Amino acid sequence: MEAVTAPAPDPAPDPGGQQPRPRRARSATESLLSIVLGLDAILIFFVALTVFRFGSLPPALAFGGGAVLIVVLVLVGRLLRFSWGHWIGWLLQVLIVSIGVLVPLMFYIGAGFAAIWIYCFIVGRRLDRRNAAFRASTSSTDSTNHKEQE
């Protein structure tokens, strides 16, 4: 039980004697949107299988296009730290809805995933603003308390 509740040990320095870099804090928006893009990638895997089964595209194009789109979705999930990564995510949502040209049901499924993207975008921004306000009030309170102690 102690192993579960004990604090994690400090990371050991690498052989060069340098401490490892601390992990970058991810925003709530970045976390939520990367989850949606991961779910989109899983969806595209099944869509590629469906397109192959229905014969909407030749097998090489169905699987190759699906694989490329999956890789792009995963890569864009890593680029969401930048504002332009969000714009690429929006374009990918439009692309996923447009797959309805090949599989008409994808108009509805893609719209559902786009709705999840929009919801996560709005809620993530709201959480980021709230967290920023909390950090600002905490840091101003800490600096005030530090001055009073001196």
Protein backbone atom coordinates (compact mmCIF):
# COMPACT_ATOMS: atom_id res chain seq x y z
CA MET A 1 0.00 0.00 0.00
CA GLU A 2 2.89 2.35 0.69
CA ALA A 3 4.15 2.02 -2.87
CA VAL A 4 0.85 3.39 -4.17
CA THR A 5 0.66 6.36 -1.81
CA ALA A 6 4.36 7.18 -1.60
CA PRO A 7 5.51 10.21 -3.61
CA ALA A 8 7.30 9.48 -6.84
CA PRO A 9 11.08 9.67 -6.52
CA ASP A 10 12.93 12.48 -8.24
CA PRO A 11 14.03 11.44 -11.72
CA ALA A 12 17.66 10.38 -11.84
CA PRO A 13 20.01 12.59 -13.84
CA ASP A 14 21.02 11.29 -17.23
CA PRO A 15 24.60 10.11 -17.80
CA GLY A 16 25.57 13.61 -18.97
CA GLY A 17 24.78 14.95 -15.50
CA GLN A 18 21.82 17.05 -16.63
CA GLN A 19 18.41 16.92 -15.02
CA PRO A 20 15.60 15.91 -17.38
CA ARG A 21 13.40 18.71 -18.62
CA PRO A 22 10.13 19.13 -16.74
CA ARG A 23 7.05 18.16 -18.72
CA ARG A 24 5.20 20.99 -20.41
CA ALA A 25 1.81 21.68 -18.87
CA ARG A 26 -0.94 21.01 -21.38
CA SER A 27 -4.00 23.21 -21.51
CA ALA A 28 -7.45 21.73 -21.03
CA THR A 29 -8.29 22.63 -24.62
CA GLU A 30 -5.24 20.81 -25.93
CA SER A 31 -6.02 17.72 -23.86
CA LEU A 32 -9.69 17.54 -24.83
CA LEU A 33 -9.10 18.18 -28.53
CA SER A 34 -6.30 15.61 -28.71
CA ILE A 35 -8.70 13.04 -27.24
CA VAL A 36 -11.24 13.87 -29.94
CA LEU A 37 -8.61 13.50 -32.67
CA GLY A 38 -7.62 10.13 -31.21
CA LEU A 39 -11.24 9.02 -31.36
CA ASP A 40 -11.42 10.33 -34.91
CA ALA A 41 -8.40 8.17 -35.80
CA ILE A 42 -10.17 5.07 -34.43
CA LEU A 43 -13.27 6.02 -36.40
CA ILE A 44 -11.26 6.37 -39.62
CA PHE A 45 -9.84 2.87 -39.13
CA PHE A 46 -13.36 1.45 -39.19
CA VAL A 47 -14.41 3.75 -42.02
CA ALA A 48 -11.50 2.46 -44.14
CA LEU A 49 -12.70 -1.09 -43.53
CA THR A 50 -16.24 -0.09 -44.47
CA VAL A 51 -15.15 1.70 -47.65
CA PHE A 52 -13.16 -1.41 -48.62
CA ARG A 53 -16.10 -3.73 -47.89
CA PHE A 54 -18.58 -1.66 -49.89
CA GLY A 55 -16.12 -1.31 -52.75
CA SER A 56 -16.47 2.48 -52.81
CA LEU A 57 -12.73 2.77 -53.53
CA PRO A 58 -10.02 0.35 -54.65
CA PRO A 59 -8.45 -1.48 -51.69
CA ALA A 60 -5.10 0.31 -51.96
CA LEU A 61 -6.79 3.71 -51.94
CA ALA A 62 -9.20 2.80 -49.13
CA PHE A 63 -6.50 1.46 -46.82
CA GLY A 64 -3.77 3.86 -47.93
CA GLY A 65 -5.99 6.91 -47.59
CA GLY A 66 -7.26 5.68 -44.24
CA ALA A 67 -3.72 5.09 -42.97
CA VAL A 68 -2.57 8.53 -44.11
CA LEU A 69 -5.56 10.19 -42.47
CA ILE A 70 -4.97 8.28 -39.23
CA VAL A 71 -1.32 9.40 -39.16
CA VAL A 72 -2.33 13.01 -39.86
CA LEU A 73 -4.92 12.92 -37.06
CA VAL A 74 -2.36 11.61 -34.58
CA LEU A 75 0.26 14.19 -35.66
CA VAL A 76 -2.19 17.07 -35.44
CA GLY A 77 -3.08 15.87 -31.94
CA ARG A 78 0.53 16.63 -31.02
CA LEU A 79 0.41 20.05 -32.74
CA LEU A 80 -2.55 21.36 -30.77
CA ARG A 81 -0.21 23.36 -28.54
CA PHE A 82 -0.11 25.88 -31.38
CA SER A 83 -3.13 27.93 -32.44
CA TRP A 84 -2.65 26.89 -36.07
CA GLY A 85 -2.93 23.27 -34.92
CA HIS A 86 -6.49 24.04 -33.85
CA TRP A 87 -7.27 25.33 -37.35
CA ILE A 88 -5.91 22.14 -38.91
CA GLY A 89 -8.13 20.21 -36.49
CA TRP A 90 -11.15 22.16 -37.69
CA LEU A 91 -10.25 21.32 -41.30
CA LEU A 92 -9.90 17.65 -40.42
CA GLN A 93 -13.38 17.69 -38.90
CA VAL A 94 -14.74 19.06 -42.20
CA LEU A 95 -12.81 16.36 -44.06
CA ILE A 96 -14.29 13.64 -41.85
CA VAL A 97 -17.82 14.90 -42.49
CA SER A 98 -17.10 15.03 -46.22
CA ILE A 99 -16.27 11.30 -46.21
CA GLY A 100 -20.04 11.01 -46.37
CA VAL A 101 -19.62 11.23 -50.14
CA LEU A 102 -18.20 7.68 -50.00
CA VAL A 103 -20.26 6.35 -47.09
CA PRO A 104 -23.46 8.42 -46.68
CA LEU A 105 -23.82 7.48 -43.02
CA MET A 106 -20.57 9.40 -42.38
CA PHE A 107 -22.44 12.68 -42.88
CA TYR A 108 -24.23 11.92 -39.61
CA ILE A 109 -21.36 10.24 -37.78
CA GLY A 110 -18.92 12.95 -38.88
CA ALA A 111 -21.36 15.63 -37.77
CA GLY A 112 -21.55 13.93 -34.38
CA PHE A 113 -17.78 13.91 -34.05
CA ALA A 114 -17.63 17.54 -35.21
CA ALA A 115 -20.19 18.38 -32.50
CA ILE A 116 -17.96 16.67 -29.92
CA TRP A 117 -15.00 18.70 -31.26
CA ILE A 118 -16.97 21.96 -30.93
CA TYR A 119 -18.13 21.08 -27.41
CA CYS A 120 -14.59 20.19 -26.29
CA PHE A 121 -13.25 23.38 -27.88
CA ILE A 122 -15.75 25.57 -26.00
CA VAL A 123 -15.43 23.76 -22.67
CA GLY A 124 -11.63 23.58 -22.94
CA ARG A 125 -11.39 27.34 -23.52
CA ARG A 126 -13.70 27.96 -20.57
CA LEU A 127 -11.57 25.73 -18.32
CA ASP A 128 -8.36 27.41 -19.51
CA ARG A 129 -9.74 30.86 -18.68
CA ARG A 130 -10.87 29.67 -15.25
CA ASN A 131 -7.50 28.04 -14.54
CA ALA A 132 -5.64 31.18 -15.64
CA ALA A 133 -7.79 33.34 -13.34
CA PHE A 134 -7.17 30.92 -10.47
CA ARG A 135 -3.41 30.93 -11.04
CA ALA A 136 -3.40 34.73 -11.24
CA SER A 137 -5.33 35.10 -7.99
CA THR A 138 -3.17 32.48 -6.28
CA SER A 139 0.09 34.10 -7.38
CA SER A 140 -1.06 37.56 -6.30
CA THR A 141 -2.15 36.17 -2.92
CA ASP A 142 1.18 34.35 -2.54
CA SER A 143 3.19 37.49 -3.32
CA THR A 144 1.08 39.51 -0.88
CA ASN A 145 1.59 36.92 1.86
CA HIS A 146 5.33 36.83 1.14
CA LYS A 147 5.60 40.63 1.49
CA GLU A 148 3.68 40.59 4.78
CA GLN A 149 6.04 37.97 6.23
CA GLU A 150 9.13 40.11 5.50
